[in-house]
């Protein structure tokens, strides 16, 4: 069985994803929060690093808690 080739140009780091979400939402989003998003495709690089799909991050909507 052959592995499917994944274009890594479509994937970004958690730090870059947090910057995109912060600019979109107008409030600071931490890179650790990106790890908790459920509907985002990711690619595992090694045991400690993941890359997140840019299109999924840009389409993501985060609501504020409370009020």
PDB file of N, CA and C in Angstrom:
ATOM      1  N   UNK A   1       0.840  -1.167   0.000  1.00  0.00           N
ATOM      2  CA  UNK A   1       0.000   0.000   0.000  1.00  0.00           C
ATOM      3  C   UNK A   1       0.895   1.243   0.000  1.00  0.00           C
ATOM      4  N   UNK A   2       0.643   2.154  -0.920  1.00  0.00           N
ATOM      5  CA  UNK A   2       1.442   3.369  -0.992  1.00  0.00           C
ATOM      6  C   UNK A   2       0.819   4.473  -0.144  1.00  0.00           C
ATOM      7  N   UNK A   3       1.679   5.320   0.368  1.00  0.00           N
ATOM      8  CA  UNK A   3       1.206   6.449   1.165  1.00  0.00           C
ATOM      9  C   UNK A   3       0.800   7.596   0.249  1.00  0.00           C
ATOM     10  N   UNK A   4      -0.219   8.317   0.672  1.00  0.00           N
ATOM     11  CA  UNK A   4      -0.669   9.475  -0.075  1.00  0.00           C
ATOM     12  C   UNK A   4       0.290  10.631   0.193  1.00  0.00           C
ATOM     13  N   UNK A   5       0.686  11.339  -0.840  1.00  0.00           N
ATOM     14  CA  UNK A   5       1.592  12.465  -0.693  1.00  0.00           C
ATOM     15  C   UNK A   5       0.791  13.688  -0.262  1.00  0.00           C
ATOM     16  N   UNK A   6       1.210  14.290   0.850  1.00  0.00           N
ATOM     17  CA  UNK A   6       0.524  15.450   1.404  1.00  0.00           C
ATOM     18  C   UNK A   6       1.319  16.704   1.043  1.00  0.00           C
ATOM     19  N   UNK A   7       0.676  17.682   0.384  1.00  0.00           N
ATOM     20  CA  UNK A   7       1.396  18.926   0.074  1.00  0.00           C
ATOM     21  C   UNK A   7       1.582  19.762   1.339  1.00  0.00           C
ATOM     22  N   UNK A   8       2.789  19.811   1.862  1.00  0.00           N
ATOM     23  CA  UNK A   8       3.047  20.510   3.117  1.00  0.00           C
ATOM     24  C   UNK A   8       2.950  22.027   2.984  1.00  0.00           C
ATOM     25  N   UNK A   9       2.860  22.545   1.771  1.00  0.00           N
ATOM     26  CA  UNK A   9       2.695  23.988   1.587  1.00  0.00           C
ATOM     27  C   UNK A   9       1.335  24.456   2.100  1.00  0.00           C
ATOM     28  N   UNK A  10       0.370  23.546   2.211  1.00  0.00           N
ATOM     29  CA  UNK A  10      -0.968  23.885   2.701  1.00  0.00           C
ATOM     30  C   UNK A  10      -1.052  23.853   4.224  1.00  0.00           C
ATOM     31  N   UNK A  11       0.024  23.504   4.900  1.00  0.00           N
ATOM     32  CA  UNK A  11       0.011  23.341   6.352  1.00  0.00           C
ATOM     33  C   UNK A  11       0.890  24.393   7.024  1.00  0.00           C
ATOM     34  N   UNK A  12       0.503  24.811   8.238  1.00  0.00           N
ATOM     35  CA  UNK A  12       1.239  25.834   8.987  1.00  0.00           C
ATOM     36  C   UNK A  12       1.449  25.357  10.419  1.00  0.00           C
ATOM     37  N   UNK A  13       2.355  26.020  11.132  1.00  0.00           N
ATOM     38  CA  UNK A  13       2.630  25.659  12.517  1.00  0.00           C
ATOM     39  C   UNK A  13       1.553  26.233  13.435  1.00  0.00           C
ATOM     40  N   UNK A  14       1.536  25.798  14.686  1.00  0.00           N
ATOM     41  CA  UNK A  14       0.567  26.291  15.664  1.00  0.00           C
ATOM     42  C   UNK A  14       0.782  27.778  15.925  1.00  0.00           C
ATOM     43  N   UNK A  15       2.027  28.222  15.897  1.00  0.00           N
ATOM     44  CA  UNK A  15       2.320  29.634  16.126  1.00  0.00           C
ATOM     45  C   UNK A  15       1.711  30.490  15.003  1.00  0.00           C
ATOM     46  N   UNK A  16       1.900  30.076  13.763  1.00  0.00           N
ATOM     47  CA  UNK A  16       1.332  30.809  12.629  1.00  0.00           C
ATOM     48  C   UNK A  16      -0.193  30.754  12.646  1.00  0.00           C
ATOM     49  N   UNK A  17      -0.749  29.616  13.036  1.00  0.00           N
ATOM     50  CA  UNK A  17      -2.201  29.474  13.122  1.00  0.00           C
ATOM     51  C   UNK A  17      -2.766  30.412  14.188  1.00  0.00           C
ATOM     52  N   UNK A  18      -2.064  30.547  15.299  1.00  0.00           N
ATOM     53  CA  UNK A  18      -2.499  31.449  16.365  1.00  0.00           C
ATOM     54  C   UNK A  18      -2.468  32.902  15.896  1.00  0.00           C
ATOM     55  N   UNK A  19      -1.473  33.262  15.114  1.00  0.00           N
ATOM     56  CA  UNK A  19      -1.405  34.625  14.579  1.00  0.00           C
ATOM     57  C   UNK A  19      -2.571  34.902  13.635  1.00  0.00           C
ATOM     58  N   UNK A  20      -2.913  33.941  12.786  1.00  0.00           N
ATOM     59  CA  UNK A  20      -4.041  34.102  11.866  1.00  0.00           C
ATOM     60  C   UNK A  20      -5.342  34.252  12.645  1.00  0.00           C
ATOM     61  N   UNK A  21      -5.552  33.397  13.636  1.00  0.00           N
ATOM     62  CA  UNK A  21      -6.779  33.464  14.433  1.00  0.00           C
ATOM     63  C   UNK A  21      -6.844  34.749  15.257  1.00  0.00           C
ATOM     64  N   UNK A  22      -5.729  35.209  15.788  1.00  0.00           N
ATOM     65  CA  UNK A  22      -5.696  36.455  16.560  1.00  0.00           C
ATOM     66  C   UNK A  22      -6.075  37.646  15.686  1.00  0.00           C
ATOM     67  N   UNK A  23      -5.552  37.694  14.476  1.00  0.00           N
ATOM     68  CA  UNK A  23      -5.877  38.788  13.569  1.00  0.00           C
ATOM     69  C   UNK A  23      -7.349  38.728  13.157  1.00  0.00           C
ATOM     70  N   UNK A  24      -7.859  37.532  12.954  1.00  0.00           N
ATOM     71  CA  UNK A  24      -9.249  37.363  12.528  1.00  0.00           C
ATOM     72  C   UNK A  24     -10.233  37.690  13.652  1.00  0.00           C
ATOM     73  N   UNK A  25      -9.936  37.267  14.871  1.00  0.00           N
ATOM     74  CA  UNK A  25     -10.856  37.433  15.999  1.00  0.00           C
ATOM     75  C   UNK A  25     -10.684  38.763  16.728  1.00  0.00           C
ATOM     76  N   UNK A  26      -9.549  39.421  16.546  1.00  0.00           N
ATOM     77  CA  UNK A  26      -9.321  40.697  17.195  1.00  0.00           C
ATOM     78  C   UNK A  26      -8.942  40.585  18.663  1.00  0.00           C
ATOM     79  N   UNK A  27      -8.535  39.421  19.082  1.00  0.00           N
ATOM     80  CA  UNK A  27      -8.074  39.224  20.459  1.00  0.00           C
ATOM     81  C   UNK A  27      -6.963  38.176  20.423  1.00  0.00           C
ATOM     82  N   UNK A  28      -6.126  38.124  21.442  1.00  0.00           N
ATOM     83  CA  UNK A  28      -5.005  37.172  21.400  1.00  0.00           C
ATOM     84  C   UNK A  28      -5.466  35.715  21.533  1.00  0.00           C
ATOM     85  N   UNK A  29      -4.931  34.874  20.679  1.00  0.00           N
ATOM     86  CA  UNK A  29      -5.164  33.427  20.717  1.00  0.00           C
ATOM     87  C   UNK A  29      -3.796  32.783  20.894  1.00  0.00           C
ATOM     88  N   UNK A  30      -3.658  31.915  21.875  1.00  0.00           N
ATOM     89  CA  UNK A  30      -2.377  31.262  22.142  1.00  0.00           C
ATOM     90  C   UNK A  30      -2.178  30.030  21.250  1.00  0.00           C
ATOM     91  N   UNK A  31      -0.935  29.717  20.919  1.00  0.00           N
ATOM     92  CA  UNK A  31      -0.667  28.517  20.116  1.00  0.00           C
ATOM     93  C   UNK A  31      -1.165  27.233  20.782  1.00  0.00           C
ATOM     94  N   UNK A  32      -1.167  27.184  22.104  1.00  0.00           N
ATOM     95  CA  UNK A  32      -1.660  26.002  22.806  1.00  0.00           C
ATOM     96  C   UNK A  32      -3.145  25.764  22.576  1.00  0.00           C
ATOM     97  N   UNK A  33      -3.884  26.832  22.321  1.00  0.00           N
ATOM     98  CA  UNK A  33      -5.317  26.700  22.063  1.00  0.00           C
ATOM     99  C   UNK A  33      -5.573  26.038  20.717  1.00  0.00           C
ATOM    100  N   UNK A  34      -4.690  26.252  19.769  1.00  0.00           N
ATOM    101  CA  UNK A  34      -4.843  25.662  18.439  1.00  0.00           C
ATOM    102  C   UNK A  34      -4.850  24.136  18.535  1.00  0.00           C
ATOM    103  N   UNK A  35      -4.104  23.584  19.481  1.00  0.00           N
ATOM    104  CA  UNK A  35      -4.052  22.135  19.668  1.00  0.00           C
ATOM    105  C   UNK A  35      -5.403  21.572  20.088  1.00  0.00           C
ATOM    106  N   UNK A  36      -6.255  22.391  20.700  1.00  0.00           N
ATOM    107  CA  UNK A  36      -7.542  21.930  21.216  1.00  0.00           C
ATOM    108  C   UNK A  36      -8.669  21.996  20.200  1.00  0.00           C
ATOM    109  N   UNK A  37      -8.432  22.598  19.046  1.00  0.00           N
ATOM    110  CA  UNK A  37      -9.472  22.699  18.026  1.00  0.00           C
ATOM    111  C   UNK A  37      -9.729  21.322  17.428  1.00  0.00           C
ATOM    112  N   UNK A  38     -10.985  20.942  17.343  1.00  0.00           N
ATOM    113  CA  UNK A  38     -11.330  19.579  16.920  1.00  0.00           C
ATOM    114  C   UNK A  38     -11.474  19.405  15.414  1.00  0.00           C
ATOM    115  N   UNK A  39     -11.981  20.389  14.723  1.00  0.00           N
ATOM    116  CA  UNK A  39     -12.297  20.213  13.302  1.00  0.00           C
ATOM    117  C   UNK A  39     -11.237  20.792  12.383  1.00  0.00           C
ATOM    118  N   UNK A  40     -10.000  20.582  12.756  1.00  0.00           N
ATOM    119  CA  UNK A  40      -8.880  21.071  11.963  1.00  0.00           C
ATOM    120  C   UNK A  40      -8.010  19.887  11.578  1.00  0.00           C
ATOM    121  N   UNK A  41      -7.765  19.750  10.284  1.00  0.00           N
ATOM    122  CA  UNK A  41      -6.874  18.677   9.824  1.00  0.00           C
ATOM    123  C   UNK A  41      -5.441  19.004  10.234  1.00  0.00           C
ATOM    124  N   UNK A  42      -4.676  17.991  10.549  1.00  0.00           N
ATOM    125  CA  UNK A  42      -3.287  18.203  10.931  1.00  0.00           C
ATOM    126  C   UNK A  42      -2.430  17.068  10.411  1.00  0.00           C
ATOM    127  N   UNK A  43      -1.142  17.328  10.387  1.00  0.00           N
ATOM    128  CA  UNK A  43      -0.152  16.341   9.968  1.00  0.00           C
ATOM    129  C   UNK A  43       0.911  16.285  11.059  1.00  0.00           C
ATOM    130  N   UNK A  44       1.190  15.101  11.556  1.00  0.00           N
ATOM    131  CA  UNK A  44       2.158  14.929  12.638  1.00  0.00           C
ATOM    132  C   UNK A  44       3.565  14.851  12.047  1.00  0.00           C
ATOM    133  N   UNK A  45       4.442  15.743  12.521  1.00  0.00           N
ATOM    134  CA  UNK A  45       5.838  15.719  12.074  1.00  0.00           C
ATOM    135  C   UNK A  45       6.661  14.755  12.911  1.00  0.00           C
ATOM    136  N   UNK A  46       6.565  14.916  14.239  1.00  0.00           N
ATOM    137  CA  UNK A  46       7.237  14.009  15.165  1.00  0.00           C
ATOM    138  C   UNK A  46       6.383  13.954  16.434  1.00  0.00           C
ATOM    139  N   UNK A  47       6.917  13.452  17.516  1.00  0.00           N
ATOM    140  CA  UNK A  47       6.115  13.264  18.724  1.00  0.00           C
ATOM    141  C   UNK A  47       5.638  14.574  19.337  1.00  0.00           C
ATOM    142  N   UNK A  48       6.314  15.675  19.063  1.00  0.00           N
ATOM    143  CA  UNK A  48       5.957  16.940  19.706  1.00  0.00           C
ATOM    144  C   UNK A  48       5.468  18.021  18.748  1.00  0.00           C
ATOM    145  N   UNK A  49       5.494  17.775  17.444  1.00  0.00           N
ATOM    146  CA  UNK A  49       5.149  18.822  16.485  1.00  0.00           C
ATOM    147  C   UNK A  49       4.047  18.385  15.535  1.00  0.00           C
ATOM    148  N   UNK A  50       3.121  19.307  15.286  1.00  0.00           N
ATOM    149  CA  UNK A  50       2.055  19.095  14.314  1.00  0.00           C
ATOM    150  C   UNK A  50       1.987  20.302  13.396  1.00  0.00           C
ATOM    151  N   UNK A  51       1.537  20.066  12.174  1.00  0.00           N
ATOM    152  CA  UNK A  51       1.245  21.138  11.243  1.00  0.00           C
ATOM    153  C   UNK A  51      -0.264  21.135  11.019  1.00  0.00           C
ATOM    154  N   UNK A  52      -0.867  22.320  10.930  1.00  0.00           N
ATOM    155  CA  UNK A  52      -2.315  22.455  10.818  1.00  0.00           C
ATOM    156  C   UNK A  52      -2.680  22.983   9.436  1.00  0.00           C
ATOM    157  N   UNK A  53      -3.793  22.506   8.897  1.00  0.00           N
ATOM    158  CA  UNK A  53      -4.234  22.880   7.558  1.00  0.00           C
ATOM    159  C   UNK A  53      -4.664  24.345   7.549  1.00  0.00           C
ATOM    160  N   UNK A  54      -4.070  25.135   6.669  1.00  0.00           N
ATOM    161  CA  UNK A  54      -4.327  26.575   6.621  1.00  0.00           C
ATOM    162  C   UNK A  54      -5.787  26.882   6.313  1.00  0.00           C
ATOM    163  N   UNK A  55      -6.395  26.173   5.395  1.00  0.00           N
ATOM    164  CA  UNK A  55      -7.798  26.419   5.044  1.00  0.00           C
ATOM    165  C   UNK A  55      -8.737  26.180   6.214  1.00  0.00           C
ATOM    166  N   UNK A  56      -8.462  25.150   7.006  1.00  0.00           N
ATOM    167  CA  UNK A  56      -9.295  24.864   8.175  1.00  0.00           C
ATOM    168  C   UNK A  56      -9.139  25.938   9.244  1.00  0.00           C
ATOM    169  N   UNK A  57      -7.924  26.431   9.417  1.00  0.00           N
ATOM    170  CA  UNK A  57      -7.679  27.489  10.403  1.00  0.00           C
ATOM    171  C   UNK A  57      -8.387  28.775   9.983  1.00  0.00           C
ATOM    172  N   UNK A  58      -8.295  29.118   8.703  1.00  0.00           N
ATOM    173  CA  UNK A  58      -8.931  30.345   8.219  1.00  0.00           C
ATOM    174  C   UNK A  58     -10.454  30.266   8.288  1.00  0.00           C
ATOM    175  N   UNK A  59     -11.018  29.067   8.176  1.00  0.00           N
ATOM    176  CA  UNK A  59     -12.473  28.896   8.233  1.00  0.00           C
ATOM    177  C   UNK A  59     -12.998  28.760   9.659  1.00  0.00           C
ATOM    178  N   UNK A  60     -12.108  28.588  10.607  1.00  0.00           N
ATOM    179  CA  UNK A  60     -12.488  28.358  11.995  1.00  0.00           C
ATOM    180  C   UNK A  60     -13.076  29.614  12.629  1.00  0.00           C
ATOM    181  N   UNK A  61     -14.156  29.430  13.410  1.00  0.00           N
ATOM    182  CA  UNK A  61     -14.779  30.526  14.139  1.00  0.00           C
ATOM    183  C   UNK A  61     -14.725  30.194  15.625  1.00  0.00           C
ATOM    184  N   UNK A  62     -14.203  31.139  16.417  1.00  0.00           N
ATOM    185  CA  UNK A  62     -14.083  30.937  17.853  1.00  0.00           C
ATOM    186  C   UNK A  62     -14.988  31.944  18.549  1.00  0.00           C
ATOM    187  N   UNK A  63     -15.904  31.433  19.356  1.00  0.00           N
ATOM    188  CA  UNK A  63     -16.797  32.307  20.100  1.00  0.00           C
ATOM    189  C   UNK A  63     -16.184  32.632  21.448  1.00  0.00           C
ATOM    190  N   UNK A  64     -16.498  33.824  21.962  1.00  0.00           N
ATOM    191  CA  UNK A  64     -16.034  34.202  23.282  1.00  0.00           C
ATOM    192  C   UNK A  64     -16.907  33.559  24.341  1.00  0.00           C
ATOM    193  N   UNK A  65     -16.297  33.160  25.445  1.00  0.00           N
ATOM    194  CA  UNK A  65     -17.050  32.560  26.546  1.00  0.00           C
ATOM    195  C   UNK A  65     -17.780  33.635  27.340  1.00  0.00           C
ATOM    196  N   UNK A  66     -18.836  33.215  28.016  1.00  0.00           N
ATOM    197  CA  UNK A  66     -19.542  34.112  28.913  1.00  0.00           C
ATOM    198  C   UNK A  66     -20.436  35.100  28.190  1.00  0.00           C
ATOM    199  N   UNK A  67     -20.796  36.123  28.897  1.00  0.00           N
ATOM    200  CA  UNK A  67     -21.721  37.168  28.458  1.00  0.00           C
ATOM    201  C   UNK A  67     -22.331  36.825  27.153  1.00  0.00           C
TER     202      UNK A  67
END
